Structure formats: C-alpha cells, structure tokens
Amino acid sequence: GLFILGTVFLFCGEGSVKSPPPVALENPAEIPPPIPKIIEPRPSPVPPVPASAVLKKKIDELLMGTTMMFRINSAILLPEGKTVLNSVATILQEDPTVAFEVGGHTDNVGPEHSNWVLSEQRAKAVVEYLISKGIVADRLAPKGYGASRPIIENSPEEGRQQNRQIEFSIGTKGEQP
C-alpha cells in the first residue's frame, strides 16, 4: 500500500503567527565574518602511471612476436632488427629521464658460457645501436642472461627462436653493470 504522512497547519486571520521584522544591529562589527569553506582536493583514486611503465609497455608490445633480430650464433643485427630498434628509439625519445636495462637472452643450444657471452654481446649491440640513434648512453645498461631465463620451452625450434630475444626492463639512470 501507499502511505502518505504529513501535516499542514494553516493560520488565517487574527492570531496567525507572524515573524518579527528584522532588527538592524547597532554595531555590525560584532558579528564575525563567515568562515570560508575550505574544500580539500580529493586524493586521486587511481595513482598516475609512471612514465617508465608507459614506455616499457609500448616497447614490450613492439617486441612481442619479434624473434629474429640477430643472425644465428651472432650479435650482428639483421635489417629487421634494426627496423624494430628504430621504433624503440622513437619510444625512448618520448621521455629522456627513463632508463632501461637491455637484457640479452639465448636458447639453450651450445655451451652455457658461450650462450652467456653471446647474450651479453647482443645486449651491447642493441645499446650501441640505440646510442647511434640519439639515445643517451647512461639511460641504457646492457646485461646478458644466456639461456637462464627462457620465456618458453626450448624445444621445438620455434621455442628456441622465441628465447633468442632482447628484453627491456626499467632500470636506474647511469647504472652500468
């Protein structure tokens, strides 16, 4: 059901309630001025995303699916790899304060020490190429990981190709290994 509650008082004629006329203050300075209402800014519910994270995401999306940047068993960049790195350089130029570690990775074929050396050479080749494109050297720190951090199983050949990769991690400016 519907219930409406309310009371209405109507006063008519004599005896009706009247408000007294406003009274002028003799000394208006006695009343303190109204206190201004201070509105505190609300904290943002979502913290801003750091520039380094934005750049890393762009680079990761660019590198996704890019497997052949180097000749096999070599740190020589292929033309396709240089094309990708040109785009990485463009992204890095968006914020010159962000630094990255450039990690080189290999598959697990061959001696462990050789893979480590090759991954280090590849990381250095990428850093040198990006420096040649105008990226300041102290923003990039090369590091070789060999076959220690595969992103996928090393068998079959497609897995090994994906593990021959370069990875960008957010680093500290001026940090060199």
N, C-alpha and C. Protein backbone atom coordinates (compact mmCIF):
# COMPACT_ATOMS: atom_id res chain seq x y z
N GLY A 1 0.81 -1.17 0.00
CA GLY A 1 0.00 0.00 0.00
C GLY A 1 0.86 1.24 0.00
N LEU A 2 0.17 2.34 -0.09
CA LEU A 2 0.84 3.63 -0.14
C LEU A 2 0.38 4.45 1.04
N PHE A 3 1.31 4.92 1.84
CA PHE A 3 1.00 5.76 2.99
C PHE A 3 1.65 7.10 2.78
N ILE A 4 0.91 8.15 2.96
CA ILE A 4 1.47 9.49 2.88
C ILE A 4 1.25 10.13 4.24
N LEU A 5 2.32 10.50 4.86
CA LEU A 5 2.23 11.15 6.15
C LEU A 5 2.61 12.60 5.98
N GLY A 6 1.89 13.44 6.57
CA GLY A 6 2.22 14.86 6.52
C GLY A 6 1.21 15.66 7.30
N THR A 7 1.65 16.79 7.74
CA THR A 7 0.77 17.67 8.49
C THR A 7 0.89 19.06 7.92
N VAL A 8 -0.22 19.69 7.73
CA VAL A 8 -0.23 21.06 7.22
C VAL A 8 -0.98 21.92 8.23
N PHE A 9 -0.37 23.01 8.65
CA PHE A 9 -1.02 23.95 9.55
C PHE A 9 -1.27 25.23 8.78
N LEU A 10 -2.47 25.64 8.77
CA LEU A 10 -2.82 26.89 8.12
C LEU A 10 -3.38 27.84 9.17
N PHE A 11 -2.84 28.99 9.21
CA PHE A 11 -3.33 30.01 10.14
C PHE A 11 -3.92 31.13 9.32
N CYS A 12 -5.10 31.44 9.60
CA CYS A 12 -5.77 32.51 8.87
C CYS A 12 -6.27 33.55 9.86
N GLY A 13 -6.26 34.76 9.44
CA GLY A 13 -6.85 35.83 10.24
C GLY A 13 -6.04 36.15 11.47
N GLU A 14 -6.78 36.71 12.47
CA GLU A 14 -6.09 37.10 13.69
C GLU A 14 -5.54 35.89 14.40
N GLY A 15 -4.49 36.09 15.07
CA GLY A 15 -3.89 35.00 15.80
C GLY A 15 -2.89 34.22 14.97
N SER A 16 -2.74 34.61 13.68
CA SER A 16 -1.76 33.90 12.87
C SER A 16 -0.35 34.30 13.31
N VAL A 17 0.56 33.42 13.12
CA VAL A 17 1.94 33.65 13.54
C VAL A 17 2.62 34.53 12.51
N LYS A 18 3.24 35.58 13.04
CA LYS A 18 3.97 36.49 12.17
C LYS A 18 5.40 36.57 12.64
N SER A 19 6.33 36.67 11.68
CA SER A 19 7.74 36.83 12.04
C SER A 19 7.98 38.28 12.42
N PRO A 20 8.83 38.48 13.41
CA PRO A 20 9.14 39.86 13.76
C PRO A 20 9.97 40.49 12.66
N PRO A 21 9.88 41.80 12.50
CA PRO A 21 10.68 42.46 11.47
C PRO A 21 12.18 42.31 11.79
N PRO A 22 13.02 42.29 10.78
CA PRO A 22 14.44 42.17 11.04
C PRO A 22 14.95 43.37 11.84
N VAL A 23 15.90 43.07 12.70
CA VAL A 23 16.45 44.11 13.56
C VAL A 23 17.82 44.48 13.03
N ALA A 24 18.07 45.76 12.87
CA ALA A 24 19.37 46.23 12.43
C ALA A 24 20.31 46.24 13.63
N LEU A 25 21.49 45.71 13.42
CA LEU A 25 22.46 45.70 14.51
C LEU A 25 23.05 47.09 14.68
N GLU A 26 23.24 47.43 15.95
CA GLU A 26 23.83 48.73 16.20
C GLU A 26 25.29 48.75 15.81
N ASN A 27 26.00 47.64 16.05
CA ASN A 27 27.42 47.59 15.72
C ASN A 27 27.67 46.30 14.91
N PRO A 28 27.61 46.36 13.56
CA PRO A 28 27.75 45.16 12.74
C PRO A 28 29.12 44.51 12.87
N ALA A 29 30.11 45.20 13.38
CA ALA A 29 31.44 44.62 13.53
C ALA A 29 31.47 43.53 14.59
N GLU A 30 30.44 43.45 15.42
CA GLU A 30 30.42 42.45 16.48
C GLU A 30 30.25 41.04 15.94
N ILE A 31 29.67 40.92 14.76
CA ILE A 31 29.46 39.59 14.17
C ILE A 31 30.71 39.23 13.37
N PRO A 32 31.31 38.07 13.71
CA PRO A 32 32.50 37.69 12.95
C PRO A 32 32.11 37.34 11.51
N PRO A 33 33.02 37.57 10.59
CA PRO A 33 32.72 37.23 9.19
C PRO A 33 32.57 35.72 9.07
N PRO A 34 31.79 35.29 8.10
CA PRO A 34 31.61 33.85 7.94
C PRO A 34 32.95 33.18 7.60
N ILE A 35 33.14 31.99 8.10
CA ILE A 35 34.36 31.25 7.85
C ILE A 35 34.26 30.66 6.44
N PRO A 36 35.28 30.94 5.62
CA PRO A 36 35.21 30.37 4.26
C PRO A 36 35.31 28.85 4.32
N LYS A 37 34.56 28.22 3.50
CA LYS A 37 34.55 26.77 3.45
C LYS A 37 35.73 26.30 2.60
N ILE A 38 36.65 25.59 3.23
CA ILE A 38 37.83 25.10 2.52
C ILE A 38 37.53 23.71 1.99
N ILE A 39 37.69 23.59 0.71
CA ILE A 39 37.43 22.29 0.08
C ILE A 39 38.78 21.65 -0.20
N GLU A 40 39.02 20.56 0.48
CA GLU A 40 40.26 19.80 0.28
C GLU A 40 40.15 19.01 -1.02
N PRO A 41 41.20 19.03 -1.83
CA PRO A 41 41.14 18.19 -3.03
C PRO A 41 41.12 16.72 -2.64
N ARG A 42 40.29 15.99 -3.30
CA ARG A 42 40.20 14.55 -3.02
C ARG A 42 41.41 13.85 -3.62
N PRO A 43 41.93 12.89 -2.89
CA PRO A 43 43.04 12.14 -3.48
C PRO A 43 42.54 11.35 -4.68
N SER A 44 43.38 11.27 -5.68
CA SER A 44 43.01 10.55 -6.88
C SER A 44 42.84 9.07 -6.53
N PRO A 45 41.72 8.46 -6.94
CA PRO A 45 41.51 7.06 -6.58
C PRO A 45 42.52 6.12 -7.26
N VAL A 46 43.03 6.53 -8.41
CA VAL A 46 44.00 5.71 -9.13
C VAL A 46 45.28 6.53 -9.27
N PRO A 47 46.39 6.04 -8.72
CA PRO A 47 47.63 6.80 -8.85
C PRO A 47 48.05 6.88 -10.31
N PRO A 48 48.72 7.96 -10.69
CA PRO A 48 49.15 8.08 -12.08
C PRO A 48 50.19 6.99 -12.40
N VAL A 49 50.18 6.55 -13.64
CA VAL A 49 51.12 5.52 -14.09
C VAL A 49 52.45 6.20 -14.39
N PRO A 50 53.55 5.68 -13.82
CA PRO A 50 54.85 6.30 -14.09
C PRO A 50 55.19 6.23 -15.58
N ALA A 51 55.93 7.24 -16.04
CA ALA A 51 56.32 7.30 -17.45
C ALA A 51 57.12 6.07 -17.84
N SER A 52 57.95 5.58 -16.92
CA SER A 52 58.77 4.41 -17.25
C SER A 52 57.89 3.20 -17.57
N ALA A 53 56.81 3.03 -16.84
CA ALA A 53 55.91 1.89 -17.09
C ALA A 53 55.20 2.03 -18.43
N VAL A 54 54.84 3.26 -18.78
CA VAL A 54 54.17 3.51 -20.06
C VAL A 54 55.12 3.17 -21.21
N LEU A 55 56.37 3.64 -21.10
CA LEU A 55 57.33 3.36 -22.17
C LEU A 55 57.63 1.86 -22.26
N LYS A 56 57.78 1.21 -21.11
CA LYS A 56 58.06 -0.23 -21.11
C LYS A 56 56.93 -0.99 -21.80
N LYS A 57 55.70 -0.61 -21.51
CA LYS A 57 54.56 -1.31 -22.14
C LYS A 57 54.60 -1.13 -23.65
N LYS A 58 54.90 0.08 -24.12
CA LYS A 58 54.99 0.32 -25.57
C LYS A 58 56.08 -0.53 -26.20
N ILE A 59 57.25 -0.59 -25.52
CA ILE A 59 58.36 -1.38 -26.07
C ILE A 59 58.00 -2.86 -26.06
N ASP A 60 57.42 -3.34 -24.96
CA ASP A 60 57.03 -4.75 -24.89
C ASP A 60 56.06 -5.11 -26.00
N GLU A 61 55.08 -4.24 -26.26
CA GLU A 61 54.11 -4.51 -27.34
C GLU A 61 54.80 -4.54 -28.69
N LEU A 62 55.80 -3.68 -28.87
CA LEU A 62 56.54 -3.63 -30.12
C LEU A 62 57.38 -4.90 -30.31
N LEU A 63 58.01 -5.35 -29.24
CA LEU A 63 58.90 -6.51 -29.33
C LEU A 63 58.14 -7.85 -29.36
N MET A 64 56.87 -7.83 -28.94
CA MET A 64 56.09 -9.07 -28.90
C MET A 64 56.04 -9.70 -30.29
N GLY A 65 56.47 -10.92 -30.36
CA GLY A 65 56.45 -11.63 -31.64
C GLY A 65 57.67 -11.38 -32.50
N THR A 66 58.56 -10.48 -32.08
CA THR A 66 59.79 -10.23 -32.82
C THR A 66 60.84 -11.21 -32.34
N THR A 67 61.25 -12.14 -33.20
CA THR A 67 62.19 -13.16 -32.74
C THR A 67 63.54 -13.08 -33.42
N MET A 68 63.61 -12.73 -34.66
CA MET A 68 64.87 -12.77 -35.38
C MET A 68 65.46 -11.36 -35.52
N MET A 69 66.16 -10.92 -34.49
CA MET A 69 66.83 -9.62 -34.55
C MET A 69 68.29 -9.77 -34.94
N PHE A 70 68.82 -11.01 -34.76
CA PHE A 70 70.25 -11.26 -34.97
C PHE A 70 70.44 -12.46 -35.89
N ARG A 71 71.61 -12.50 -36.50
CA ARG A 71 72.00 -13.72 -37.22
C ARG A 71 72.18 -14.83 -36.18
N ILE A 72 72.03 -16.07 -36.60
CA ILE A 72 72.20 -17.21 -35.68
C ILE A 72 73.66 -17.25 -35.21
N ASN A 73 73.82 -17.47 -33.89
CA ASN A 73 75.14 -17.52 -33.24
C ASN A 73 75.95 -16.25 -33.49
N SER A 74 75.28 -15.11 -33.54
CA SER A 74 75.96 -13.85 -33.84
C SER A 74 75.28 -12.70 -33.10
N ALA A 75 76.04 -11.65 -32.89
CA ALA A 75 75.49 -10.44 -32.31
C ALA A 75 75.29 -9.36 -33.38
N ILE A 76 75.34 -9.76 -34.63
CA ILE A 76 75.14 -8.80 -35.73
C ILE A 76 73.63 -8.65 -35.95
N LEU A 77 73.18 -7.41 -35.89
CA LEU A 77 71.75 -7.12 -36.07
C LEU A 77 71.33 -7.34 -37.53
N LEU A 78 70.20 -7.99 -37.69
CA LEU A 78 69.60 -8.13 -39.02
C LEU A 78 68.86 -6.84 -39.37
N PRO A 79 68.62 -6.58 -40.66
CA PRO A 79 67.86 -5.37 -41.04
C PRO A 79 66.51 -5.28 -40.33
N GLU A 80 65.81 -6.43 -40.16
CA GLU A 80 64.53 -6.42 -39.47
C GLU A 80 64.70 -5.96 -38.02
N GLY A 81 65.79 -6.39 -37.40
CA GLY A 81 66.08 -5.99 -36.02
C GLY A 81 66.33 -4.50 -35.92
N LYS A 82 67.03 -3.95 -36.90
CA LYS A 82 67.29 -2.50 -36.89
C LYS A 82 65.99 -1.72 -37.06
N THR A 83 65.09 -2.24 -37.87
CA THR A 83 63.80 -1.57 -38.05
C THR A 83 63.04 -1.52 -36.73
N VAL A 84 63.03 -2.61 -36.02
CA VAL A 84 62.36 -2.66 -34.71
C VAL A 84 63.04 -1.69 -33.74
N LEU A 85 64.37 -1.69 -33.73
CA LEU A 85 65.09 -0.81 -32.80
C LEU A 85 64.92 0.67 -33.15
N ASN A 86 64.69 0.98 -34.41
CA ASN A 86 64.38 2.37 -34.77
C ASN A 86 63.09 2.81 -34.07
N SER A 87 62.12 1.93 -34.03
CA SER A 87 60.86 2.24 -33.34
C SER A 87 61.09 2.33 -31.83
N VAL A 88 61.94 1.45 -31.28
CA VAL A 88 62.26 1.52 -29.84
C VAL A 88 62.91 2.87 -29.53
N ALA A 89 63.82 3.32 -30.38
CA ALA A 89 64.48 4.61 -30.17
C ALA A 89 63.47 5.75 -30.15
N THR A 90 62.50 5.69 -31.04
CA THR A 90 61.44 6.72 -31.07
C THR A 90 60.66 6.72 -29.76
N ILE A 91 60.35 5.55 -29.25
CA ILE A 91 59.62 5.45 -27.97
C ILE A 91 60.48 6.00 -26.84
N LEU A 92 61.77 5.65 -26.82
CA LEU A 92 62.65 6.11 -25.74
C LEU A 92 62.82 7.63 -25.76
N GLN A 93 62.68 8.26 -26.91
CA GLN A 93 62.81 9.71 -27.00
C GLN A 93 61.61 10.44 -26.42
N GLU A 94 60.53 9.72 -26.13
CA GLU A 94 59.34 10.36 -25.54
C GLU A 94 59.62 10.89 -24.14
N ASP A 95 60.51 10.24 -23.40
CA ASP A 95 60.85 10.71 -22.05
C ASP A 95 62.32 10.44 -21.79
N PRO A 96 63.16 11.47 -21.89
CA PRO A 96 64.61 11.27 -21.75
C PRO A 96 65.07 10.99 -20.32
N THR A 97 64.16 10.93 -19.37
CA THR A 97 64.55 10.66 -17.98
C THR A 97 64.47 9.18 -17.63
N VAL A 98 63.86 8.38 -18.48
CA VAL A 98 63.65 6.97 -18.17
C VAL A 98 64.85 6.15 -18.63
N ALA A 99 65.30 5.25 -17.75
CA ALA A 99 66.43 4.38 -18.06
C ALA A 99 65.96 2.93 -18.11
N PHE A 100 66.67 2.13 -18.90
CA PHE A 100 66.31 0.72 -19.06
C PHE A 100 67.55 -0.17 -19.02
N GLU A 101 67.34 -1.38 -18.50
CA GLU A 101 68.33 -2.43 -18.67
C GLU A 101 67.94 -3.16 -19.95
N VAL A 102 68.93 -3.41 -20.80
CA VAL A 102 68.70 -4.15 -22.03
C VAL A 102 69.24 -5.55 -21.80
N GLY A 103 68.34 -6.51 -21.67
CA GLY A 103 68.74 -7.88 -21.38
C GLY A 103 68.79 -8.72 -22.64
N GLY A 104 69.92 -9.40 -22.83
CA GLY A 104 70.07 -10.31 -23.95
C GLY A 104 69.83 -11.74 -23.49
N HIS A 105 69.14 -12.52 -24.31
CA HIS A 105 68.80 -13.90 -23.98
C HIS A 105 69.13 -14.80 -25.17
N THR A 106 69.42 -16.06 -24.86
CA THR A 106 69.69 -17.05 -25.92
C THR A 106 68.84 -18.29 -25.67
N ASP A 107 68.91 -19.22 -26.63
CA ASP A 107 68.29 -20.53 -26.39
C ASP A 107 69.29 -21.37 -25.59
N ASN A 108 68.98 -22.64 -25.39
CA ASN A 108 69.85 -23.48 -24.57
C ASN A 108 70.77 -24.39 -25.39
N VAL A 109 70.91 -24.12 -26.68
CA VAL A 109 71.78 -24.92 -27.54
C VAL A 109 73.20 -24.36 -27.40
N GLY A 110 74.15 -25.24 -27.16
CA GLY A 110 75.53 -24.83 -27.03
C GLY A 110 75.96 -24.70 -25.57
N PRO A 111 77.26 -24.49 -25.36
CA PRO A 111 77.78 -24.38 -24.00
C PRO A 111 77.21 -23.16 -23.26
N GLU A 112 76.97 -23.34 -21.98
CA GLU A 112 76.37 -22.27 -21.17
C GLU A 112 77.19 -20.98 -21.23
N HIS A 113 78.51 -21.11 -21.10
CA HIS A 113 79.36 -19.91 -21.11
C HIS A 113 79.27 -19.18 -22.46
N SER A 114 79.24 -19.93 -23.54
CA SER A 114 79.13 -19.32 -24.88
C SER A 114 77.80 -18.58 -25.02
N ASN A 115 76.73 -19.16 -24.50
CA ASN A 115 75.42 -18.50 -24.56
C ASN A 115 75.43 -17.22 -23.74
N TRP A 116 76.06 -17.25 -22.59
CA TRP A 116 76.13 -16.05 -21.75
C TRP A 116 76.89 -14.94 -22.49
N VAL A 117 78.04 -15.29 -23.07
CA VAL A 117 78.84 -14.30 -23.80
C VAL A 117 78.04 -13.75 -24.98
N LEU A 118 77.38 -14.63 -25.73
CA LEU A 118 76.59 -14.19 -26.88
C LEU A 118 75.45 -13.26 -26.44
N SER A 119 74.77 -13.59 -25.35
CA SER A 119 73.66 -12.75 -24.89
C SER A 119 74.18 -11.37 -24.46
N GLU A 120 75.34 -11.34 -23.84
CA GLU A 120 75.96 -10.06 -23.44
C GLU A 120 76.32 -9.24 -24.68
N GLN A 121 76.89 -9.89 -25.69
CA GLN A 121 77.24 -9.19 -26.94
C GLN A 121 76.00 -8.64 -27.63
N ARG A 122 74.93 -9.40 -27.63
CA ARG A 122 73.69 -8.94 -28.25
C ARG A 122 73.10 -7.75 -27.51
N ALA A 123 73.11 -7.80 -26.19
CA ALA A 123 72.61 -6.66 -25.41
C ALA A 123 73.44 -5.41 -25.69
N LYS A 124 74.76 -5.58 -25.77
CA LYS A 124 75.65 -4.44 -26.07
C LYS A 124 75.41 -3.93 -27.49
N ALA A 125 75.16 -4.82 -28.44
CA ALA A 125 74.89 -4.40 -29.82
C ALA A 125 73.62 -3.56 -29.88
N VAL A 126 72.60 -3.95 -29.13
CA VAL A 126 71.35 -3.18 -29.09
C VAL A 126 71.60 -1.81 -28.47
N VAL A 127 72.33 -1.77 -27.37
CA VAL A 127 72.63 -0.49 -26.71
C VAL A 127 73.41 0.42 -27.66
N GLU A 128 74.44 -0.12 -28.30
CA GLU A 128 75.24 0.68 -29.24
C GLU A 128 74.38 1.20 -30.39
N TYR A 129 73.49 0.38 -30.89
CA TYR A 129 72.62 0.82 -31.98
C TYR A 129 71.71 1.96 -31.52
N LEU A 130 71.11 1.81 -30.33
CA LEU A 130 70.22 2.86 -29.82
C LEU A 130 70.98 4.16 -29.54
N ILE A 131 72.22 4.04 -29.08
CA ILE A 131 73.06 5.23 -28.87
C ILE A 131 73.29 5.92 -30.22
N SER A 132 73.52 5.13 -31.27
CA SER A 132 73.73 5.71 -32.61
C SER A 132 72.48 6.43 -33.12
N LYS A 133 71.32 6.12 -32.52
CA LYS A 133 70.06 6.77 -32.89
C LYS A 133 69.72 7.94 -31.95
N GLY A 134 70.67 8.33 -31.11
CA GLY A 134 70.48 9.52 -30.29
C GLY A 134 70.06 9.28 -28.85
N ILE A 135 69.99 8.04 -28.40
CA ILE A 135 69.64 7.76 -27.01
C ILE A 135 70.91 7.90 -26.17
N VAL A 136 70.82 8.62 -25.06
CA VAL A 136 71.97 8.88 -24.19
C VAL A 136 72.41 7.56 -23.54
N ALA A 137 73.72 7.33 -23.54
CA ALA A 137 74.28 6.05 -23.08
C ALA A 137 73.92 5.72 -21.64
N ASP A 138 73.86 6.72 -20.75
CA ASP A 138 73.60 6.38 -19.34
C ASP A 138 72.15 6.00 -19.07
N ARG A 139 71.33 5.99 -20.10
CA ARG A 139 69.94 5.51 -19.96
C ARG A 139 69.82 4.02 -20.24
N LEU A 140 70.88 3.39 -20.74
CA LEU A 140 70.83 2.00 -21.19
C LEU A 140 71.94 1.20 -20.54
N ALA A 141 71.59 0.09 -19.93
CA ALA A 141 72.57 -0.79 -19.30
C ALA A 141 72.42 -2.19 -19.89
N PRO A 142 73.43 -2.67 -20.65
CA PRO A 142 73.33 -4.00 -21.24
C PRO A 142 73.61 -5.09 -20.20
N LYS A 143 72.91 -6.21 -20.31
CA LYS A 143 73.15 -7.35 -19.42
C LYS A 143 72.80 -8.63 -20.16
N GLY A 144 73.71 -9.58 -20.11
CA GLY A 144 73.48 -10.88 -20.74
C GLY A 144 72.98 -11.89 -19.74
N TYR A 145 71.98 -12.65 -20.14
CA TYR A 145 71.41 -13.68 -19.27
C TYR A 145 71.62 -15.09 -19.82
N GLY A 146 72.19 -15.22 -21.01
CA GLY A 146 72.36 -16.54 -21.59
C GLY A 146 71.02 -17.23 -21.76
N ALA A 147 70.98 -18.52 -21.40
CA ALA A 147 69.74 -19.30 -21.52
C ALA A 147 69.04 -19.44 -20.18
N SER A 148 69.43 -18.61 -19.20
CA SER A 148 68.93 -18.77 -17.82
C SER A 148 67.48 -18.34 -17.62
N ARG A 149 66.92 -17.55 -18.53
CA ARG A 149 65.56 -17.05 -18.34
C ARG A 149 64.72 -17.25 -19.60
N PRO A 150 64.43 -18.49 -19.97
CA PRO A 150 63.63 -18.72 -21.19
C PRO A 150 62.19 -18.23 -20.99
N ILE A 151 61.62 -17.73 -22.07
CA ILE A 151 60.21 -17.30 -21.99
C ILE A 151 59.27 -18.42 -22.42
N ILE A 152 59.84 -19.47 -23.02
CA ILE A 152 59.05 -20.61 -23.50
C ILE A 152 59.97 -21.84 -23.52
N GLU A 153 59.40 -23.02 -23.56
CA GLU A 153 60.17 -24.26 -23.64
C GLU A 153 61.11 -24.22 -24.85
N ASN A 154 62.36 -24.65 -24.68
CA ASN A 154 63.37 -24.58 -25.74
C ASN A 154 63.23 -25.63 -26.83
N SER A 155 62.28 -26.52 -26.71
CA SER A 155 62.04 -27.45 -27.81
C SER A 155 60.62 -27.22 -28.26
N PRO A 156 60.27 -27.20 -29.38
CA PRO A 156 60.90 -27.32 -30.69
C PRO A 156 61.64 -26.04 -31.10
N GLU A 157 62.04 -25.99 -32.36
CA GLU A 157 62.80 -24.85 -32.88
C GLU A 157 62.10 -23.52 -32.67
N GLU A 158 60.76 -23.49 -32.79
CA GLU A 158 60.02 -22.23 -32.60
C GLU A 158 60.26 -21.68 -31.19
N GLY A 159 60.33 -22.57 -30.21
CA GLY A 159 60.60 -22.15 -28.83
C GLY A 159 61.99 -21.57 -28.68
N ARG A 160 62.96 -22.20 -29.33
CA ARG A 160 64.33 -21.68 -29.27
C ARG A 160 64.41 -20.31 -29.92
N GLN A 161 63.71 -20.13 -31.03
CA GLN A 161 63.71 -18.81 -31.69
C GLN A 161 63.17 -17.73 -30.77
N GLN A 162 62.09 -18.04 -30.06
CA GLN A 162 61.49 -17.04 -29.17
C GLN A 162 62.41 -16.71 -27.99
N ASN A 163 63.25 -17.64 -27.60
CA ASN A 163 64.15 -17.40 -26.48
C ASN A 163 65.41 -16.62 -26.89
N ARG A 164 65.62 -16.47 -28.18
CA ARG A 164 66.73 -15.63 -28.67
C ARG A 164 66.18 -14.21 -28.78
N GLN A 165 66.14 -13.53 -27.66
CA GLN A 165 65.41 -12.26 -27.62
C GLN A 165 66.15 -11.20 -26.82
N ILE A 166 65.65 -10.00 -26.97
CA ILE A 166 66.10 -8.84 -26.20
C ILE A 166 64.92 -8.40 -25.36
N GLU A 167 65.20 -8.02 -24.13
CA GLU A 167 64.15 -7.59 -23.21
C GLU A 167 64.56 -6.26 -22.58
N PHE A 168 63.61 -5.36 -22.44
CA PHE A 168 63.86 -4.08 -21.78
C PHE A 168 63.20 -4.10 -20.41
N SER A 169 64.00 -3.82 -19.37
CA SER A 169 63.48 -3.74 -18.00
C SER A 169 63.76 -2.34 -17.48
N ILE A 170 62.85 -1.82 -16.67
CA ILE A 170 63.05 -0.48 -16.12
C ILE A 170 64.27 -0.51 -15.23
N GLY A 171 65.19 0.41 -15.46
CA GLY A 171 66.44 0.45 -14.71
C GLY A 171 66.64 1.79 -14.03
N THR A 172 67.86 2.04 -13.61
CA THR A 172 68.23 3.29 -12.95
C THR A 172 69.20 4.04 -13.84
N LYS A 173 68.95 5.31 -14.06
CA LYS A 173 69.78 6.11 -14.96
C LYS A 173 71.22 6.14 -14.45
N GLY A 174 72.14 5.91 -15.36
CA GLY A 174 73.55 5.94 -15.03
C GLY A 174 74.08 4.62 -14.51
N GLU A 175 73.22 3.62 -14.35
CA GLU A 175 73.63 2.32 -13.82
C GLU A 175 74.24 1.49 -14.93
N GLN A 176 75.45 1.08 -14.74
CA GLN A 176 76.12 0.21 -15.71
C GLN A 176 76.55 -1.05 -14.99
N PRO A 177 76.45 -2.19 -15.63
CA PRO A 177 76.84 -3.44 -14.97
C PRO A 177 78.35 -3.51 -14.76
